[in-house]
Amino acid sequence: MNRRTASLLTAAALAAAVLGAGAPSASAAPGGCAYTSTSHRPVVKKGGTGASVKQAQCLSNIWGGVPKLTVDGVFGAKTLDKIKWIQGCHGLPRDGVVGAKTWAVLYDPVPDCYDPYPR
């Protein structure tokens, strides 16, 4: 390999490394909601607690709605009401259970669903 080819390959590798470092991860959660990985989507419902509930609360907050939920990891009445509203807006059964379809809309919502949230 001649010197010019080596220099070009080094420059290309350096550029790829720099550009790649600034690119967001494909699995990064929206809005900084990082209580669980984006692939960890267990069924959560009223009475549930923990990191998955925090993730659902955080995701519901970043897409709008007033009042915002307290991200405390406790699936109570306010979380239930907001989840049911989000489900209804997306054409899902309003059962208040965060299952696969509800997780999907929390991560990738229809923007028109979130403003205004009923007070």
PDB file of N, CA and C in Angstrom:
ATOM      1  N   MET A   1       0.856  -1.161   0.000  1.00  0.00           N
ATOM      2  CA  MET A   1       0.000   0.000   0.000  1.00  0.00           C
ATOM      3  C   MET A   1       0.904   1.227   0.000  1.00  0.00           C
ATOM      4  N   ASN A   2       0.599   2.170  -0.880  1.00  0.00           N
ATOM      5  CA  ASN A   2       1.434   3.360  -0.915  1.00  0.00           C
ATOM      6  C   ASN A   2       0.994   4.363   0.147  1.00  0.00           C
ATOM      7  N   ARG A   3       1.813   5.356   0.339  1.00  0.00           N
ATOM      8  CA  ARG A   3       1.596   6.342   1.395  1.00  0.00           C
ATOM      9  C   ARG A   3       0.283   7.094   1.201  1.00  0.00           C
ATOM     10  N   ARG A   4      -0.055   7.434  -0.034  1.00  0.00           N
ATOM     11  CA  ARG A   4      -1.283   8.193  -0.292  1.00  0.00           C
ATOM     12  C   ARG A   4      -2.520   7.354   0.054  1.00  0.00           C
ATOM     13  N   THR A   5      -2.534   6.103  -0.329  1.00  0.00           N
ATOM     14  CA  THR A   5      -3.656   5.213  -0.026  1.00  0.00           C
ATOM     15  C   THR A   5      -3.811   5.046   1.476  1.00  0.00           C
ATOM     16  N   ALA A   6      -2.702   4.879   2.172  1.00  0.00           N
ATOM     17  CA  ALA A   6      -2.746   4.731   3.629  1.00  0.00           C
ATOM     18  C   ALA A   6      -3.313   5.990   4.276  1.00  0.00           C
ATOM     19  N   SER A   7      -2.912   7.145   3.781  1.00  0.00           N
ATOM     20  CA  SER A   7      -3.420   8.410   4.329  1.00  0.00           C
ATOM     21  C   SER A   7      -4.918   8.554   4.096  1.00  0.00           C
ATOM     22  N   LEU A   8      -5.369   8.180   2.893  1.00  0.00           N
ATOM     23  CA  LEU A   8      -6.795   8.267   2.589  1.00  0.00           C
ATOM     24  C   LEU A   8      -7.611   7.309   3.462  1.00  0.00           C
ATOM     25  N   LEU A   9      -7.113   6.096   3.652  1.00  0.00           N
ATOM     26  CA  LEU A   9      -7.815   5.129   4.497  1.00  0.00           C
ATOM     27  C   LEU A   9      -7.867   5.598   5.946  1.00  0.00           C
ATOM     28  N   THR A  10      -6.785   6.175   6.424  1.00  0.00           N
ATOM     29  CA  THR A  10      -6.754   6.691   7.792  1.00  0.00           C
ATOM     30  C   THR A  10      -7.747   7.836   7.947  1.00  0.00           C
ATOM     31  N   ALA A  11      -7.778   8.740   6.986  1.00  0.00           N
ATOM     32  CA  ALA A  11      -8.708   9.868   7.042  1.00  0.00           C
ATOM     33  C   ALA A  11     -10.156   9.384   6.993  1.00  0.00           C
ATOM     34  N   ALA A  12     -10.434   8.396   6.156  1.00  0.00           N
ATOM     35  CA  ALA A  12     -11.797   7.864   6.055  1.00  0.00           C
ATOM     36  C   ALA A  12     -12.217   7.188   7.356  1.00  0.00           C
ATOM     37  N   ALA A  13     -11.318   6.428   7.948  1.00  0.00           N
ATOM     38  CA  ALA A  13     -11.632   5.757   9.217  1.00  0.00           C
ATOM     39  C   ALA A  13     -11.870   6.775  10.322  1.00  0.00           C
ATOM     40  N   LEU A  14     -11.048   7.812  10.358  1.00  0.00           N
ATOM     41  CA  LEU A  14     -11.213   8.857  11.366  1.00  0.00           C
ATOM     42  C   LEU A  14     -12.544   9.585  11.181  1.00  0.00           C
ATOM     43  N   ALA A  15     -12.890   9.913   9.950  1.00  0.00           N
ATOM     44  CA  ALA A  15     -14.163  10.592   9.683  1.00  0.00           C
ATOM     45  C   ALA A  15     -15.342   9.715  10.084  1.00  0.00           C
ATOM     46  N   ALA A  16     -15.271   8.434   9.780  1.00  0.00           N
ATOM     47  CA  ALA A  16     -16.359   7.520  10.148  1.00  0.00           C
ATOM     48  C   ALA A  16     -16.499   7.422  11.657  1.00  0.00           C
ATOM     49  N   ALA A  17     -15.388   7.392  12.357  1.00  0.00           N
ATOM     50  CA  ALA A  17     -15.437   7.300  13.823  1.00  0.00           C
ATOM     51  C   ALA A  17     -16.041   8.558  14.426  1.00  0.00           C
ATOM     52  N   VAL A  18     -15.644   9.715  13.913  1.00  0.00           N
ATOM     53  CA  VAL A  18     -16.167  10.977  14.443  1.00  0.00           C
ATOM     54  C   VAL A  18     -17.650  11.111  14.138  1.00  0.00           C
ATOM     55  N   LEU A  19     -18.057  10.831  12.921  1.00  0.00           N
ATOM     56  CA  LEU A  19     -19.467  10.941  12.561  1.00  0.00           C
ATOM     57  C   LEU A  19     -20.308   9.918  13.299  1.00  0.00           C
ATOM     58  N   GLY A  20     -19.817   8.735  13.469  1.00  0.00           N
ATOM     59  CA  GLY A  20     -20.545   7.691  14.183  1.00  0.00           C
ATOM     60  C   GLY A  20     -20.716   8.004  15.649  1.00  0.00           C
ATOM     61  N   ALA A  21     -19.766   8.677  16.257  1.00  0.00           N
ATOM     62  CA  ALA A  21     -19.839   8.992  17.683  1.00  0.00           C
ATOM     63  C   ALA A  21     -20.955   9.975  17.980  1.00  0.00           C
ATOM     64  N   GLY A  22     -21.284  10.835  17.021  1.00  0.00           N
ATOM     65  CA  GLY A  22     -22.321  11.819  17.267  1.00  0.00           C
ATOM     66  C   GLY A  22     -23.715  11.350  16.925  1.00  0.00           C
ATOM     67  N   ALA A  23     -23.836  10.211  16.289  1.00  0.00           N
ATOM     68  CA  ALA A  23     -25.147   9.719  15.879  1.00  0.00           C
ATOM     69  C   ALA A  23     -25.872   9.114  17.071  1.00  0.00           C
ATOM     70  N   PRO A  24     -27.177   9.376  17.198  1.00  0.00           N
ATOM     71  CA  PRO A  24     -27.917   8.792  18.307  1.00  0.00           C
ATOM     72  C   PRO A  24     -28.071   7.291  18.137  1.00  0.00           C
ATOM     73  N   SER A  25     -28.131   6.616  19.234  1.00  0.00           N
ATOM     74  CA  SER A  25     -28.327   5.172  19.223  1.00  0.00           C
ATOM     75  C   SER A  25     -29.733   4.853  18.742  1.00  0.00           C
ATOM     76  N   ALA A  26     -29.878   3.783  17.985  1.00  0.00           N
ATOM     77  CA  ALA A  26     -31.190   3.379  17.492  1.00  0.00           C
ATOM     78  C   ALA A  26     -32.100   2.958  18.636  1.00  0.00           C
ATOM     79  N   SER A  27     -31.505   2.574  19.753  1.00  0.00           N
ATOM     80  CA  SER A  27     -32.321   2.125  20.872  1.00  0.00           C
ATOM     81  C   SER A  27     -32.489   3.200  21.943  1.00  0.00           C
ATOM     82  N   ALA A  28     -32.086   4.428  21.652  1.00  0.00           N
ATOM     83  CA  ALA A  28     -32.223   5.496  22.638  1.00  0.00           C
ATOM     84  C   ALA A  28     -33.692   5.838  22.838  1.00  0.00           C
ATOM     85  N   ALA A  29     -34.080   5.978  24.084  1.00  0.00           N
ATOM     86  CA  ALA A  29     -35.468   6.317  24.394  1.00  0.00           C
ATOM     87  C   ALA A  29     -35.705   7.792  24.129  1.00  0.00           C
ATOM     88  N   PRO A  30     -36.895   8.146  23.665  1.00  0.00           N
ATOM     89  CA  PRO A  30     -37.201   9.547  23.436  1.00  0.00           C
ATOM     90  C   PRO A  30     -37.226  10.335  24.734  1.00  0.00           C
ATOM     91  N   GLY A  31     -36.849  11.593  24.642  1.00  0.00           N
ATOM     92  CA  GLY A  31     -36.992  12.505  25.772  1.00  0.00           C
ATOM     93  C   GLY A  31     -36.163  12.177  26.996  1.00  0.00           C
ATOM     94  N   GLY A  32     -35.170  11.333  26.845  1.00  0.00           N
ATOM     95  CA  GLY A  32     -34.339  10.998  27.986  1.00  0.00           C
ATOM     96  C   GLY A  32     -34.969  10.029  28.968  1.00  0.00           C
ATOM     97  N   CYS A  33     -36.035   9.383  28.586  1.00  0.00           N
ATOM     98  CA  CYS A  33     -36.670   8.386  29.457  1.00  0.00           C
ATOM     99  C   CYS A  33     -35.833   7.115  29.394  1.00  0.00           C
ATOM    100  N   ALA A  34     -35.041   6.897  30.410  1.00  0.00           N
ATOM    101  CA  ALA A  34     -34.111   5.765  30.396  1.00  0.00           C
ATOM    102  C   ALA A  34     -34.218   4.935  31.671  1.00  0.00           C
ATOM    103  N   TYR A  35     -35.431   4.751  32.139  1.00  0.00           N
ATOM    104  CA  TYR A  35     -35.627   3.937  33.343  1.00  0.00           C
ATOM    105  C   TYR A  35     -35.482   2.453  33.032  1.00  0.00           C
ATOM    106  N   THR A  36     -35.769   2.071  31.779  1.00  0.00           N
ATOM    107  CA  THR A  36     -35.572   0.700  31.302  1.00  0.00           C
ATOM    108  C   THR A  36     -35.063   0.788  29.875  1.00  0.00           C
ATOM    109  N   SER A  37     -34.583  -0.316  29.333  1.00  0.00           N
ATOM    110  CA  SER A  37     -34.176  -0.323  27.929  1.00  0.00           C
ATOM    111  C   SER A  37     -35.435  -0.236  27.065  1.00  0.00           C
ATOM    112  N   THR A  38     -35.260   0.254  25.853  1.00  0.00           N
ATOM    113  CA  THR A  38     -36.421   0.403  24.977  1.00  0.00           C
ATOM    114  C   THR A  38     -37.017  -0.937  24.578  1.00  0.00           C
ATOM    115  N   SER A  39     -36.267  -2.010  24.727  1.00  0.00           N
ATOM    116  CA  SER A  39     -36.800  -3.331  24.380  1.00  0.00           C
ATOM    117  C   SER A  39     -37.481  -4.025  25.566  1.00  0.00           C
ATOM    118  N   HIS A  40     -37.336  -3.480  26.761  1.00  0.00           N
ATOM    119  CA  HIS A  40     -37.959  -4.070  27.959  1.00  0.00           C
ATOM    120  C   HIS A  40     -39.357  -3.469  28.105  1.00  0.00           C
ATOM    121  N   ARG A  41     -40.368  -4.237  27.709  1.00  0.00           N
ATOM    122  CA  ARG A  41     -41.736  -3.726  27.694  1.00  0.00           C
ATOM    123  C   ARG A  41     -42.698  -4.726  28.333  1.00  0.00           C
ATOM    124  N   PRO A  42     -42.581  -4.923  29.635  1.00  0.00           N
ATOM    125  CA  PRO A  42     -43.496  -5.857  30.300  1.00  0.00           C
ATOM    126  C   PRO A  42     -44.889  -5.254  30.425  1.00  0.00           C
ATOM    127  N   VAL A  43     -45.864  -6.071  30.671  1.00  0.00           N
ATOM    128  CA  VAL A  43     -47.216  -5.586  30.927  1.00  0.00           C
ATOM    129  C   VAL A  43     -47.219  -4.925  32.307  1.00  0.00           C
ATOM    130  N   VAL A  44     -47.691  -3.672  32.349  1.00  0.00           N
ATOM    131  CA  VAL A  44     -47.839  -2.976  33.631  1.00  0.00           C
ATOM    132  C   VAL A  44     -49.261  -2.443  33.727  1.00  0.00           C
ATOM    133  N   LYS A  45     -49.777  -2.405  34.936  1.00  0.00           N
ATOM    134  CA  LYS A  45     -51.157  -1.949  35.145  1.00  0.00           C
ATOM    135  C   LYS A  45     -51.292  -1.347  36.531  1.00  0.00           C
ATOM    136  N   LYS A  46     -52.505  -0.840  36.811  1.00  0.00           N
ATOM    137  CA  LYS A  46     -52.767  -0.181  38.087  1.00  0.00           C
ATOM    138  C   LYS A  46     -52.340  -1.090  39.233  1.00  0.00           C
ATOM    139  N   GLY A  47     -51.629  -0.479  40.183  1.00  0.00           N
ATOM    140  CA  GLY A  47     -51.103  -1.217  41.323  1.00  0.00           C
ATOM    141  C   GLY A  47     -49.658  -1.634  41.133  1.00  0.00           C
ATOM    142  N   GLY A  48     -49.178  -1.584  39.882  1.00  0.00           N
ATOM    143  CA  GLY A  48     -47.798  -1.954  39.600  1.00  0.00           C
ATOM    144  C   GLY A  48     -46.830  -0.882  40.074  1.00  0.00           C
ATOM    145  N   THR A  49     -45.594  -1.284  40.298  1.00  0.00           N
ATOM    146  CA  THR A  49     -44.552  -0.347  40.721  1.00  0.00           C
ATOM    147  C   THR A  49     -43.246  -0.711  40.027  1.00  0.00           C
ATOM    148  N   GLY A  50     -42.332   0.237  40.013  1.00  0.00           N
ATOM    149  CA  GLY A  50     -40.989  -0.049  39.533  1.00  0.00           C
ATOM    150  C   GLY A  50     -40.575   0.744  38.310  1.00  0.00           C
ATOM    151  N   ALA A  51     -39.432   0.332  37.765  1.00  0.00           N
ATOM    152  CA  ALA A  51     -38.810   1.050  36.658  1.00  0.00           C
ATOM    153  C   ALA A  51     -39.671   1.065  35.398  1.00  0.00           C
ATOM    154  N   SER A  52     -40.378  -0.009  35.119  1.00  0.00           N
ATOM    155  CA  SER A  52     -41.220  -0.043  33.914  1.00  0.00           C
ATOM    156  C   SER A  52     -42.378   0.938  34.025  1.00  0.00           C
ATOM    157  N   VAL A  53     -42.919   1.098  35.220  1.00  0.00           N
ATOM    158  CA  VAL A  53     -43.975   2.094  35.433  1.00  0.00           C
ATOM    159  C   VAL A  53     -43.388   3.489  35.250  1.00  0.00           C
ATOM    160  N   LYS A  54     -42.193   3.735  35.782  1.00  0.00           N
ATOM    161  CA  LYS A  54     -41.536   5.033  35.584  1.00  0.00           C
ATOM    162  C   LYS A  54     -41.348   5.316  34.095  1.00  0.00           C
ATOM    163  N   GLN A  55     -40.939   4.298  33.340  1.00  0.00           N
ATOM    164  CA  GLN A  55     -40.736   4.475  31.902  1.00  0.00           C
ATOM    165  C   GLN A  55     -42.043   4.878  31.225  1.00  0.00           C
ATOM    166  N   ALA A  56     -43.125   4.194  31.550  1.00  0.00           N
ATOM    167  CA  ALA A  56     -44.425   4.526  30.957  1.00  0.00           C
ATOM    168  C   ALA A  56     -44.857   5.939  31.353  1.00  0.00           C
ATOM    169  N   GLN A  57     -44.659   6.316  32.611  1.00  0.00           N
ATOM    170  CA  GLN A  57     -45.026   7.660  33.068  1.00  0.00           C
ATOM    171  C   GLN A  57     -44.201   8.718  32.343  1.00  0.00           C
ATOM    172  N   CYS A  58     -42.908   8.495  32.245  1.00  0.00           N
ATOM    173  CA  CYS A  58     -42.023   9.451  31.584  1.00  0.00           C
ATOM    174  C   CYS A  58     -42.395   9.613  30.112  1.00  0.00           C
ATOM    175  N   LEU A  59     -42.591   8.500  29.421  1.00  0.00           N
ATOM    176  CA  LEU A  59     -42.957   8.568  28.001  1.00  0.00           C
ATOM    177  C   LEU A  59     -44.286   9.286  27.804  1.00  0.00           C
ATOM    178  N   SER A  60     -45.248   9.054  28.690  1.00  0.00           N
ATOM    179  CA  SER A  60     -46.537   9.736  28.547  1.00  0.00           C
ATOM    180  C   SER A  60     -46.374  11.239  28.745  1.00  0.00           C
ATOM    181  N   ASN A  61     -45.434  11.650  29.574  1.00  0.00           N
ATOM    182  CA  ASN A  61     -45.207  13.077  29.821  1.00  0.00           C
ATOM    183  C   ASN A  61     -44.520  13.778  28.664  1.00  0.00           C
ATOM    184  N   ILE A  62     -43.573  13.124  28.004  1.00  0.00           N
ATOM    185  CA  ILE A  62     -42.828  13.841  26.965  1.00  0.00           C
ATOM    186  C   ILE A  62     -43.665  14.127  25.736  1.00  0.00           C
ATOM    187  N   TRP A  63     -44.738  13.388  25.545  1.00  0.00           N
ATOM    188  CA  TRP A  63     -45.584  13.634  24.393  1.00  0.00           C
ATOM    189  C   TRP A  63     -46.705  14.610  24.695  1.00  0.00           C
ATOM    190  N   GLY A  64     -46.732  15.175  25.895  1.00  0.00           N
ATOM    191  CA  GLY A  64     -47.699  16.215  26.199  1.00  0.00           C
ATOM    192  C   GLY A  64     -48.701  15.801  27.240  1.00  0.00           C
ATOM    193  N   GLY A  65     -49.662  16.670  27.392  1.00  0.00           N
ATOM    194  CA  GLY A  65     -50.703  16.405  28.367  1.00  0.00           C
ATOM    195  C   GLY A  65     -50.477  17.152  29.660  1.00  0.00           C
ATOM    196  N   VAL A  66     -51.531  17.780  30.122  1.00  0.00           N
ATOM    197  CA  VAL A  66     -51.489  18.523  31.375  1.00  0.00           C
ATOM    198  C   VAL A  66     -52.593  17.969  32.246  1.00  0.00           C
ATOM    199  N   PRO A  67     -52.369  17.638  33.461  1.00  0.00           N
ATOM    200  CA  PRO A  67     -51.088  17.790  34.161  1.00  0.00           C
ATOM    201  C   PRO A  67     -50.148  16.639  33.827  1.00  0.00           C
ATOM    202  N   LYS A  68     -48.867  16.932  33.944  1.00  0.00           N
ATOM    203  CA  LYS A  68     -47.876  15.874  33.763  1.00  0.00           C
ATOM    204  C   LYS A  68     -47.937  14.935  34.953  1.00  0.00           C
ATOM    205  N   LEU A  69     -47.627  13.674  34.692  1.00  0.00           N
ATOM    206  CA  LEU A  69     -47.600  12.689  35.767  1.00  0.00           C
ATOM    207  C   LEU A  69     -46.324  12.841  36.582  1.00  0.00           C
ATOM    208  N   THR A  70     -46.408  12.556  37.860  1.00  0.00           N
ATOM    209  CA  THR A  70     -45.219  12.444  38.685  1.00  0.00           C
ATOM    210  C   THR A  70     -44.575  11.107  38.341  1.00  0.00           C
ATOM    211  N   VAL A  71     -43.309  11.140  37.958  1.00  0.00           N
ATOM    212  CA  VAL A  71     -42.603   9.910  37.596  1.00  0.00           C
ATOM    213  C   VAL A  71     -42.061   9.298  38.890  1.00  0.00           C
ATOM    214  N   ASP A  72     -42.939   8.538  39.535  1.00  0.00           N
ATOM    215  CA  ASP A  72     -42.597   7.965  40.838  1.00  0.00           C
ATOM    216  C   ASP A  72     -42.580   6.442  40.840  1.00  0.00           C
ATOM    217  N   GLY A  73     -42.935   5.838  39.706  1.00  0.00           N
ATOM    218  CA  GLY A  73     -42.920   4.389  39.620  1.00  0.00           C
ATOM    219  C   GLY A  73     -44.102   3.707  40.269  1.00  0.00           C
ATOM    220  N   VAL A  74     -45.136   4.478  40.596  1.00  0.00           N
ATOM    221  CA  VAL A  74     -46.346   3.917  41.203  1.00  0.00           C
ATOM    222  C   VAL A  74     -47.496   4.109  40.218  1.00  0.00           C
ATOM    223  N   PHE A  75     -48.084   3.027  39.754  1.00  0.00           N
ATOM    224  CA  PHE A  75     -49.176   3.085  38.780  1.00  0.00           C
ATOM    225  C   PHE A  75     -50.481   3.270  39.548  1.00  0.00           C
ATOM    226  N   GLY A  76     -50.821   4.546  39.758  1.00  0.00           N
ATOM    227  CA  GLY A  76     -52.027   4.885  40.497  1.00  0.00           C
ATOM    228  C   GLY A  76     -53.128   5.393  39.586  1.00  0.00           C
ATOM    229  N   ALA A  77     -54.102   6.067  40.189  1.00  0.00           N
ATOM    230  CA  ALA A  77     -55.289   6.530  39.469  1.00  0.00           C
ATOM    231  C   ALA A  77     -54.954   7.534  38.362  1.00  0.00           C
ATOM    232  N   LYS A  78     -54.026   8.466  38.618  1.00  0.00           N
ATOM    233  CA  LYS A  78     -53.685   9.467  37.599  1.00  0.00           C
ATOM    234  C   LYS A  78     -52.980   8.822  36.406  1.00  0.00           C
ATOM    235  N   THR A  79     -52.090   7.879  36.693  1.00  0.00           N
ATOM    236  CA  THR A  79     -51.427   7.162  35.600  1.00  0.00           C
ATOM    237  C   THR A  79     -52.454   6.366  34.807  1.00  0.00           C
ATOM    238  N   LEU A  80     -53.367   5.715  35.496  1.00  0.00           N
ATOM    239  CA  LEU A  80     -54.424   4.944  34.838  1.00  0.00           C
ATOM    240  C   LEU A  80     -55.248   5.831  33.914  1.00  0.00           C
ATOM    241  N   ASP A  81     -55.674   6.995  34.405  1.00  0.00           N
ATOM    242  CA  ASP A  81     -56.473   7.908  33.585  1.00  0.00           C
ATOM    243  C   ASP A  81     -55.725   8.353  32.333  1.00  0.00           C
ATOM    244  N   LYS A  82     -54.447   8.703  32.498  1.00  0.00           N
ATOM    245  CA  LYS A  82     -53.692   9.187  31.344  1.00  0.00           C
ATOM    246  C   LYS A  82     -53.445   8.064  30.338  1.00  0.00           C
ATOM    247  N   ILE A  83     -53.132   6.872  30.817  1.00  0.00           N
ATOM    248  CA  ILE A  83     -52.912   5.739  29.908  1.00  0.00           C
ATOM    249  C   ILE A  83     -54.198   5.428  29.141  1.00  0.00           C
ATOM    250  N   LYS A  84     -55.340   5.439  29.828  1.00  0.00           N
ATOM    251  CA  LYS A  84     -56.619   5.190  29.146  1.00  0.00           C
ATOM    252  C   LYS A  84     -56.881   6.249  28.079  1.00  0.00           C
ATOM    253  N   TRP A  85     -56.578   7.493  28.381  1.00  0.00           N
ATOM    254  CA  TRP A  85     -56.785   8.563  27.413  1.00  0.00           C
ATOM    255  C   TRP A  85     -55.886   8.367  26.194  1.00  0.00           C
ATOM    256  N   ILE A  86     -54.621   8.035  26.432  1.00  0.00           N
ATOM    257  CA  ILE A  86     -53.683   7.790  25.335  1.00  0.00           C
ATOM    258  C   ILE A  86     -54.166   6.611  24.491  1.00  0.00           C
ATOM    259  N   GLN A  87     -54.613   5.548  25.141  1.00  0.00           N
ATOM    260  CA  GLN A  87     -55.122   4.383  24.405  1.00  0.00           C
ATOM    261  C   GLN A  87     -56.314   4.765  23.536  1.00  0.00           C
ATOM    262  N   GLY A  88     -57.264   5.490  24.089  1.00  0.00           N
ATOM    263  CA  GLY A  88     -58.444   5.895  23.333  1.00  0.00           C
ATOM    264  C   GLY A  88     -58.096   6.757  22.140  1.00  0.00           C
ATOM    265  N   CYS A  89     -57.168   7.669  22.328  1.00  0.00           N
ATOM    266  CA  CYS A  89     -56.758   8.558  21.250  1.00  0.00           C
ATOM    267  C   CYS A  89     -56.111   7.788  20.102  1.00  0.00           C
ATOM    268  N   HIS A  90     -55.480   6.681  20.419  1.00  0.00           N
ATOM    269  CA  HIS A  90     -54.806   5.871  19.404  1.00  0.00           C
ATOM    270  C   HIS A  90     -55.663   4.715  18.895  1.00  0.00           C
ATOM    271  N   GLY A  91     -56.933   4.688  19.280  1.00  0.00           N
ATOM    272  CA  GLY A  91     -57.828   3.644  18.800  1.00  0.00           C
ATOM    273  C   GLY A  91     -57.629   2.286  19.456  1.00  0.00           C
ATOM    274  N   LEU A  92     -56.990   2.285  20.614  1.00  0.00           N
ATOM    275  CA  LEU A  92     -56.780   1.037  21.354  1.00  0.00           C
ATOM    276  C   LEU A  92     -57.873   0.875  22.401  1.00  0.00           C
ATOM    277  N   PRO A  93     -58.110  -0.347  22.855  1.00  0.00           N
ATOM    278  CA  PRO A  93     -59.063  -0.534  23.957  1.00  0.00           C
ATOM    279  C   PRO A  93     -58.599   0.253  25.186  1.00  0.00           C
ATOM    280  N   ARG A  94     -59.524   0.963  25.810  1.00  0.00           N
ATOM    281  CA  ARG A  94     -59.198   1.805  26.974  1.00  0.00           C
ATOM    282  C   ARG A  94     -59.244   0.960  28.250  1.00  0.00           C
ATOM    283  N   ASP A  95     -58.309   0.021  28.354  1.00  0.00           N
ATOM    284  CA  ASP A  95     -58.298  -0.860  29.523  1.00  0.00           C
ATOM    285  C   ASP A  95     -57.298  -0.425  30.592  1.00  0.00           C
ATOM    286  N   GLY A  96     -56.437   0.544  30.282  1.00  0.00           N
ATOM    287  CA  GLY A  96     -55.470   1.036  31.255  1.00  0.00           C
ATOM    288  C   GLY A  96     -54.277   0.129  31.463  1.00  0.00           C
ATOM    289  N   VAL A  97     -54.197  -0.947  30.717  1.00  0.00           N
ATOM    290  CA  VAL A  97     -53.080  -1.882  30.834  1.00  0.00           C
ATOM    291  C   VAL A  97     -52.039  -1.519  29.773  1.00  0.00           C
ATOM    292  N   VAL A  98     -50.797  -1.328  30.199  1.00  0.00           N
ATOM    293  CA  VAL A  98     -49.725  -1.015  29.256  1.00  0.00           C
ATOM    294  C   VAL A  98     -49.124  -2.332  28.781  1.00  0.00           C
ATOM    295  N   GLY A  99     -49.616  -2.769  27.623  1.00  0.00           N
ATOM    296  CA  GLY A  99     -49.118  -3.980  26.978  1.00  0.00           C
ATOM    297  C   GLY A  99     -48.360  -3.594  25.719  1.00  0.00           C
ATOM    298  N   ALA A 100     -48.151  -4.536  24.828  1.00  0.00           N
ATOM    299  CA  ALA A 100     -47.330  -4.318  23.633  1.00  0.00           C
ATOM    300  C   ALA A 100     -47.819  -3.150  22.773  1.00  0.00           C
ATOM    301  N   LYS A 101     -49.119  -3.071  22.517  1.00  0.00           N
ATOM    302  CA  LYS A 101     -49.641  -2.002  21.651  1.00  0.00           C
ATOM    303  C   LYS A 101     -49.546  -0.637  22.325  1.00  0.00           C
ATOM    304  N   THR A 102     -49.772  -0.588  23.625  1.00  0.00           N
ATOM    305  CA  THR A 102     -49.665   0.691  24.331  1.00  0.00           C
ATOM    306  C   THR A 102     -48.208   1.136  24.419  1.00  0.00           C
ATOM    307  N   TRP A 103     -47.291   0.205  24.686  1.00  0.00           N
ATOM    308  CA  TRP A 103     -45.869   0.575  24.658  1.00  0.00           C
ATOM    309  C   TRP A 103     -45.512   1.148  23.288  1.00  0.00           C
ATOM    310  N   ALA A 104     -46.017   0.533  22.220  1.00  0.00           N
ATOM    311  CA  ALA A 104     -45.690   0.996  20.868  1.00  0.00           C
ATOM    312  C   ALA A 104     -46.114   2.442  20.659  1.00  0.00           C
ATOM    313  N   VAL A 105     -47.305   2.822  21.124  1.00  0.00           N
ATOM    314  CA  VAL A 105     -47.734   4.213  20.926  1.00  0.00           C
ATOM    315  C   VAL A 105     -47.032   5.156  21.898  1.00  0.00           C
ATOM    316  N   LEU A 106     -46.609   4.669  23.056  1.00  0.00           N
ATOM    317  CA  LEU A 106     -45.832   5.526  23.956  1.00  0.00           C
ATOM    318  C   LEU A 106     -44.481   5.879  23.332  1.00  0.00           C
ATOM    319  N   TYR A 107     -43.883   4.927  22.632  1.00  0.00           N
ATOM    320  CA  TYR A 107     -42.603   5.181  21.976  1.00  0.00           C
ATOM    321  C   TYR A 107     -42.757   5.877  20.634  1.00  0.00           C
ATOM    322  N   ASP A 108     -43.897   5.746  19.976  1.00  0.00           N
ATOM    323  CA  ASP A 108     -44.092   6.322  18.643  1.00  0.00           C
ATOM    324  C   ASP A 108     -45.542   6.780  18.493  1.00  0.00           C
ATOM    325  N   PRO A 109     -45.900   7.875  19.156  1.00  0.00           N
ATOM    326  CA  PRO A 109     -47.301   8.302  19.189  1.00  0.00           C
ATOM    327  C   PRO A 109     -47.743   9.054  17.938  1.00  0.00           C
ATOM    328  N   VAL A 110     -49.052   9.174  17.828  1.00  0.00           N
ATOM    329  CA  VAL A 110     -49.654  10.056  16.837  1.00  0.00           C
ATOM    330  C   VAL A 110     -49.646  11.447  17.475  1.00  0.00           C
ATOM    331  N   PRO A 111     -48.923  12.415  16.891  1.00  0.00           N
ATOM    332  CA  PRO A 111     -48.780  13.719  17.549  1.00  0.00           C
ATOM    333  C   PRO A 111     -50.097  14.410  17.899  1.00  0.00           C
ATOM    334  N   ASP A 112     -51.130  14.256  17.088  1.00  0.00           N
ATOM    335  CA  ASP A 112     -52.392  14.940  17.356  1.00  0.00           C
ATOM    336  C   ASP A 112     -53.074  14.458  18.628  1.00  0.00           C
ATOM    337  N   CYS A 113     -52.654  13.326  19.146  1.00  0.00           N
ATOM    338  CA  CYS A 113     -53.303  12.761  20.327  1.00  0.00           C
ATOM    339  C   CYS A 113     -52.940  13.470  21.621  1.00  0.00           C
ATOM    340  N   TYR A 114     -51.916  14.262  21.625  1.00  0.00           N
ATOM    341  CA  TYR A 114     -51.386  14.698  22.907  1.00  0.00           C
ATOM    342  C   TYR A 114     -51.701  16.121  23.312  1.00  0.00           C
ATOM    343  N   ASP A 115     -52.357  16.878  22.467  1.00  0.00           N
ATOM    344  CA  ASP A 115     -52.652  18.243  22.875  1.00  0.00           C
ATOM    345  C   ASP A 115     -54.015  18.621  22.325  1.00  0.00           C
ATOM    346  N   PRO A 116     -54.989  18.930  23.103  1.00  0.00           N
ATOM    347  CA  PRO A 116     -54.904  19.045  24.561  1.00  0.00           C
ATOM    348  C   PRO A 116     -55.314  17.750  25.257  1.00  0.00           C
ATOM    349  N   TYR A 117     -54.719  17.510  26.385  1.00  0.00           N
ATOM    350  CA  TYR A 117     -55.104  16.404  27.260  1.00  0.00           C
ATOM    351  C   TYR A 117     -56.202  16.926  28.175  1.00  0.00           C
ATOM    352  N   PRO A 118     -57.280  16.177  28.366  1.00  0.00           N
ATOM    353  CA  PRO A 118     -58.361  16.687  29.223  1.00  0.00           C
ATOM    354  C   PRO A 118     -57.888  16.933  30.650  1.00  0.00           C
ATOM    355  N   ARG A 119     -58.343  18.021  31.219  1.00  0.00           N
ATOM    356  CA  ARG A 119     -57.941  18.379  32.590  1.00  0.00           C
ATOM    357  C   ARG A 119     -58.919  17.851  33.592  1.00  0.00           C
TER     358      ARG A 119
END
